[in-house]
Amino acid sequence: MKLENEFTVNSPIERVWEAMLDLEEVTPCLPGAQLTEQVGDEYRGTMTIKMGPITQKYNGTVSIEETDPESHRAVIKAEGKDQRGQGMASATITSTLSEDGGDSTHVRVETDMHLSGRVAQFGRGVHRDVASKVMGQFADCLERKL
């Protein structure tokens, strides 16, 4: 499933770029996400997601797969397995930043997500709603941090 989200941060593009590449700095802005350790270029952590009446907690990894400083484009890969063995989730998240006039930065996030288990039973509309809500909270937190 492909999801697209966009938001604007009132901070210069270079500052937003630095923050987006610092997973330890931005992870606390992602509701339900927590990093537990770093092993080389990969981080281990947990992600808790609530969809409808179902809450699932995933243990997994996240890493920056590629960066392009010229175009301010980064690709992050995240994979996790439900703690109770009831499903898996993986996502390839591509973020592209562009100047939005003055000291504002436009952020476009494209997520290619694959879900299995109980949360996969919900339709695209529910997944999109949850992703939009999470991304809105992420954007607000990032704005406060910067």
C-alpha atoms as a PDB file:
ATOM      1  CA  MET A   1       0.000   0.000   0.000  1.00  0.00           C
ATOM      2  CA  LYS A   2       1.306   3.432  -0.932  1.00  0.00           C
ATOM      3  CA  LEU A   3       0.602   6.447   1.243  1.00  0.00           C
ATOM      4  CA  GLU A   4       1.458  10.083   0.568  1.00  0.00           C
ATOM      5  CA  ASN A   5       1.596  12.877   3.126  1.00  0.00           C
ATOM      6  CA  GLU A   6       2.834  16.457   3.018  1.00  0.00           C
ATOM      7  CA  PHE A   7       3.457  19.124   5.611  1.00  0.00           C
ATOM      8  CA  THR A   8       5.361  22.374   6.111  1.00  0.00           C
ATOM      9  CA  VAL A   9       7.831  23.148   8.878  1.00  0.00           C
ATOM     10  CA  ASN A  10       8.688  26.729   9.768  1.00  0.00           C
ATOM     11  CA  SER A  11      12.424  26.143   9.778  1.00  0.00           C
ATOM     12  CA  PRO A  12      15.180  26.447   7.137  1.00  0.00           C
ATOM     13  CA  ILE A  13      15.648  23.464   4.833  1.00  0.00           C
ATOM     14  CA  GLU A  14      19.167  22.623   6.056  1.00  0.00           C
ATOM     15  CA  ARG A  15      18.013  22.432   9.688  1.00  0.00           C
ATOM     16  CA  VAL A  16      15.045  20.218   8.762  1.00  0.00           C
ATOM     17  CA  TRP A  17      17.359  18.032   6.622  1.00  0.00           C
ATOM     18  CA  GLU A  18      19.772  17.544   9.535  1.00  0.00           C
ATOM     19  CA  ALA A  19      16.912  16.673  11.889  1.00  0.00           C
ATOM     20  CA  MET A  20      15.278  14.210   9.483  1.00  0.00           C
ATOM     21  CA  LEU A  21      18.579  12.325   9.148  1.00  0.00           C
ATOM     22  CA  ASP A  22      19.053  12.161  12.921  1.00  0.00           C
ATOM     23  CA  LEU A  23      16.817   9.224  13.793  1.00  0.00           C
ATOM     24  CA  GLU A  24      17.465   9.669  17.509  1.00  0.00           C
ATOM     25  CA  GLU A  25      16.206  13.259  17.295  1.00  0.00           C
ATOM     26  CA  VAL A  26      13.081  12.649  15.200  1.00  0.00           C
ATOM     27  CA  THR A  27      11.896   9.252  16.480  1.00  0.00           C
ATOM     28  CA  PRO A  28      10.354  10.746  19.656  1.00  0.00           C
ATOM     29  CA  CYS A  29       8.145  12.822  17.313  1.00  0.00           C
ATOM     30  CA  LEU A  30       6.629   9.686  15.787  1.00  0.00           C
ATOM     31  CA  PRO A  31       3.743   8.623  18.051  1.00  0.00           C
ATOM     32  CA  GLY A  32       4.243   5.097  19.363  1.00  0.00           C
ATOM     33  CA  ALA A  33       7.882   4.827  18.223  1.00  0.00           C
ATOM     34  CA  GLN A  34      10.872   4.282  20.471  1.00  0.00           C
ATOM     35  CA  LEU A  35      14.494   3.461  19.703  1.00  0.00           C
ATOM     36  CA  THR A  36      16.143   1.019  22.099  1.00  0.00           C
ATOM     37  CA  GLU A  37      19.657   0.569  20.693  1.00  0.00           C
ATOM     38  CA  GLN A  38      21.955   1.322  17.790  1.00  0.00           C
ATOM     39  CA  VAL A  39      23.940  -1.394  16.043  1.00  0.00           C
ATOM     40  CA  GLY A  40      26.162   0.126  13.367  1.00  0.00           C
ATOM     41  CA  ASP A  41      23.964   2.135  11.004  1.00  0.00           C
ATOM     42  CA  GLU A  42      20.821   0.314  12.117  1.00  0.00           C
ATOM     43  CA  TYR A  43      18.567   1.102  15.048  1.00  0.00           C
ATOM     44  CA  ARG A  44      16.399  -1.343  16.946  1.00  0.00           C
ATOM     45  CA  GLY A  45      13.212  -0.277  18.578  1.00  0.00           C
ATOM     46  CA  THR A  46       9.482  -0.642  18.998  1.00  0.00           C
ATOM     47  CA  MET A  47       6.425   0.830  17.304  1.00  0.00           C
ATOM     48  CA  THR A  48       2.927   0.669  18.721  1.00  0.00           C
ATOM     49  CA  ILE A  49       0.021   1.236  16.332  1.00  0.00           C
ATOM     50  CA  LYS A  50      -3.680   1.474  17.126  1.00  0.00           C
ATOM     51  CA  MET A  51      -6.159   0.792  14.342  1.00  0.00           C
ATOM     52  CA  GLY A  52      -9.761   0.661  15.353  1.00  0.00           C
ATOM     53  CA  PRO A  53     -10.056  -1.705  18.324  1.00  0.00           C
ATOM     54  CA  ILE A  54      -6.656  -3.323  17.639  1.00  0.00           C
ATOM     55  CA  THR A  55      -3.350  -2.239  19.139  1.00  0.00           C
ATOM     56  CA  GLN A  56      -0.198  -3.938  17.902  1.00  0.00           C
ATOM     57  CA  LYS A  57       3.334  -3.490  19.147  1.00  0.00           C
ATOM     58  CA  TYR A  58       6.146  -4.292  16.763  1.00  0.00           C
ATOM     59  CA  ASN A  59       9.793  -4.996  17.534  1.00  0.00           C
ATOM     60  CA  GLY A  60      12.006  -4.136  14.626  1.00  0.00           C
ATOM     61  CA  THR A  61      14.736  -2.200  12.926  1.00  0.00           C
ATOM     62  CA  VAL A  62      15.047   1.086  11.092  1.00  0.00           C
ATOM     63  CA  SER A  63      17.894   2.416   8.979  1.00  0.00           C
ATOM     64  CA  ILE A  64      18.621   5.138   6.469  1.00  0.00           C
ATOM     65  CA  GLU A  65      19.021   3.348   3.145  1.00  0.00           C
ATOM     66  CA  GLU A  66      20.015   6.288   0.964  1.00  0.00           C
ATOM     67  CA  THR A  67      20.438  10.053   1.085  1.00  0.00           C
ATOM     68  CA  ASP A  68      20.806  12.680  -1.601  1.00  0.00           C
ATOM     69  CA  PRO A  69      21.865  15.985  -0.034  1.00  0.00           C
ATOM     70  CA  GLU A  70      21.572  17.840  -3.369  1.00  0.00           C
ATOM     71  CA  SER A  71      17.853  17.093  -3.737  1.00  0.00           C
ATOM     72  CA  HIS A  72      17.219  16.758   0.023  1.00  0.00           C
ATOM     73  CA  ARG A  73      15.828  13.245  -0.481  1.00  0.00           C
ATOM     74  CA  ALA A  74      16.213  10.400   2.007  1.00  0.00           C
ATOM     75  CA  VAL A  75      14.980   6.808   2.014  1.00  0.00           C
ATOM     76  CA  ILE A  76      14.380   5.045   5.326  1.00  0.00           C
ATOM     77  CA  LYS A  77      13.606   1.339   5.675  1.00  0.00           C
ATOM     78  CA  ALA A  78      11.682   0.017   8.694  1.00  0.00           C
ATOM     79  CA  GLU A  79      10.714  -3.583   9.441  1.00  0.00           C
ATOM     80  CA  GLY A  80       9.019  -5.095  12.458  1.00  0.00           C
ATOM     81  CA  LYS A  81       7.379  -8.197  13.801  1.00  0.00           C
ATOM     82  CA  ASP A  82       4.399  -8.126  16.137  1.00  0.00           C
ATOM     83  CA  GLN A  83       5.469  -9.020  19.694  1.00  0.00           C
ATOM     84  CA  ARG A  84       2.780 -11.692  19.889  1.00  0.00           C
ATOM     85  CA  GLY A  85       3.715 -13.184  16.524  1.00  0.00           C
ATOM     86  CA  GLN A  86       0.479 -12.006  14.935  1.00  0.00           C
ATOM     87  CA  GLY A  87       1.879 -10.179  11.932  1.00  0.00           C
ATOM     88  CA  MET A  88       4.627  -8.179  10.367  1.00  0.00           C
ATOM     89  CA  ALA A  89       5.036  -4.677   9.012  1.00  0.00           C
ATOM     90  CA  SER A  90       7.569  -3.117   6.697  1.00  0.00           C
ATOM     91  CA  ALA A  91       7.818   0.328   5.190  1.00  0.00           C
ATOM     92  CA  THR A  92      10.051   2.159   2.783  1.00  0.00           C
ATOM     93  CA  ILE A  93       9.699   5.851   3.560  1.00  0.00           C
ATOM     94  CA  THR A  94      10.951   8.427   1.057  1.00  0.00           C
ATOM     95  CA  SER A  95      11.111  12.006   2.299  1.00  0.00           C
ATOM     96  CA  THR A  96      11.809  14.894  -0.043  1.00  0.00           C
ATOM     97  CA  LEU A  97      12.338  18.425   1.260  1.00  0.00           C
ATOM     98  CA  SER A  98      11.962  21.659  -0.680  1.00  0.00           C
ATOM     99  CA  GLU A  99      12.192  25.301   0.271  1.00  0.00           C
ATOM    100  CA  ASP A 100       8.780  26.842   0.803  1.00  0.00           C
ATOM    101  CA  GLY A 101       9.728  30.496   0.845  1.00  0.00           C
ATOM    102  CA  GLY A 102      11.617  32.276   3.592  1.00  0.00           C
ATOM    103  CA  ASP A 103      12.540  29.964   6.410  1.00  0.00           C
ATOM    104  CA  SER A 104       9.863  27.337   5.709  1.00  0.00           C
ATOM    105  CA  THR A 105      10.415  23.824   4.405  1.00  0.00           C
ATOM    106  CA  HIS A 106       7.893  21.685   2.547  1.00  0.00           C
ATOM    107  CA  VAL A 107       8.178  17.966   3.370  1.00  0.00           C
ATOM    108  CA  ARG A 108       6.714  15.290   1.095  1.00  0.00           C
ATOM    109  CA  VAL A 109       6.608  11.766   2.506  1.00  0.00           C
ATOM    110  CA  GLU A 110       5.861   8.734   0.336  1.00  0.00           C
ATOM    111  CA  THR A 111       5.447   5.458   2.213  1.00  0.00           C
ATOM    112  CA  ASP A 112       5.332   2.030   0.616  1.00  0.00           C
ATOM    113  CA  MET A 113       3.922  -0.106   3.438  1.00  0.00           C
ATOM    114  CA  HIS A 114       3.273  -3.826   3.717  1.00  0.00           C
ATOM    115  CA  LEU A 115       1.211  -5.231   6.595  1.00  0.00           C
ATOM    116  CA  SER A 116       0.230  -8.737   7.609  1.00  0.00           C
ATOM    117  CA  GLY A 117      -1.766  -9.975  10.570  1.00  0.00           C
ATOM    118  CA  ARG A 118      -4.709  -8.377  12.301  1.00  0.00           C
ATOM    119  CA  VAL A 119      -4.086  -4.756  11.240  1.00  0.00           C
ATOM    120  CA  ALA A 120      -3.991  -5.825   7.585  1.00  0.00           C
ATOM    121  CA  GLN A 121      -7.733  -6.577   7.741  1.00  0.00           C
ATOM    122  CA  PHE A 122      -8.583  -2.871   7.819  1.00  0.00           C
ATOM    123  CA  GLY A 123      -9.131  -1.138   4.504  1.00  0.00           C
ATOM    124  CA  ARG A 124      -6.992   1.505   2.858  1.00  0.00           C
ATOM    125  CA  GLY A 125      -9.212   4.269   4.213  1.00  0.00           C
ATOM    126  CA  VAL A 126      -8.463   3.333   7.827  1.00  0.00           C
ATOM    127  CA  HIS A 127      -4.741   2.971   7.066  1.00  0.00           C
ATOM    128  CA  ARG A 128      -4.702   6.381   5.372  1.00  0.00           C
ATOM    129  CA  ASP A 129      -6.576   8.019   8.260  1.00  0.00           C
ATOM    130  CA  VAL A 130      -4.165   6.586  10.823  1.00  0.00           C
ATOM    131  CA  ALA A 131      -1.133   7.567   8.714  1.00  0.00           C
ATOM    132  CA  SER A 132      -2.455  11.121   8.286  1.00  0.00           C
ATOM    133  CA  LYS A 133      -3.059  11.478  12.017  1.00  0.00           C
ATOM    134  CA  VAL A 134       0.395  10.116  12.891  1.00  0.00           C
ATOM    135  CA  MET A 135       2.072  12.341  10.276  1.00  0.00           C
ATOM    136  CA  GLY A 136       0.206  15.396  11.587  1.00  0.00           C
ATOM    137  CA  GLN A 137       1.426  14.701  15.117  1.00  0.00           C
ATOM    138  CA  PHE A 138       4.949  14.109  13.777  1.00  0.00           C
ATOM    139  CA  ALA A 139       4.913  17.432  11.894  1.00  0.00           C
ATOM    140  CA  ASP A 140       3.665  19.358  14.954  1.00  0.00           C
ATOM    141  CA  CYS A 141       6.350  17.803  17.162  1.00  0.00           C
ATOM    142  CA  LEU A 142       9.104  18.462  14.600  1.00  0.00           C
ATOM    143  CA  GLU A 143       7.972  22.082  14.351  1.00  0.00           C
ATOM    144  CA  ARG A 144       8.225  22.475  18.147  1.00  0.00           C
ATOM    145  CA  LYS A 145      11.677  20.822  18.233  1.00  0.00           C
ATOM    146  CA  LEU A 146      13.110  23.059  15.525  1.00  0.00           C
END
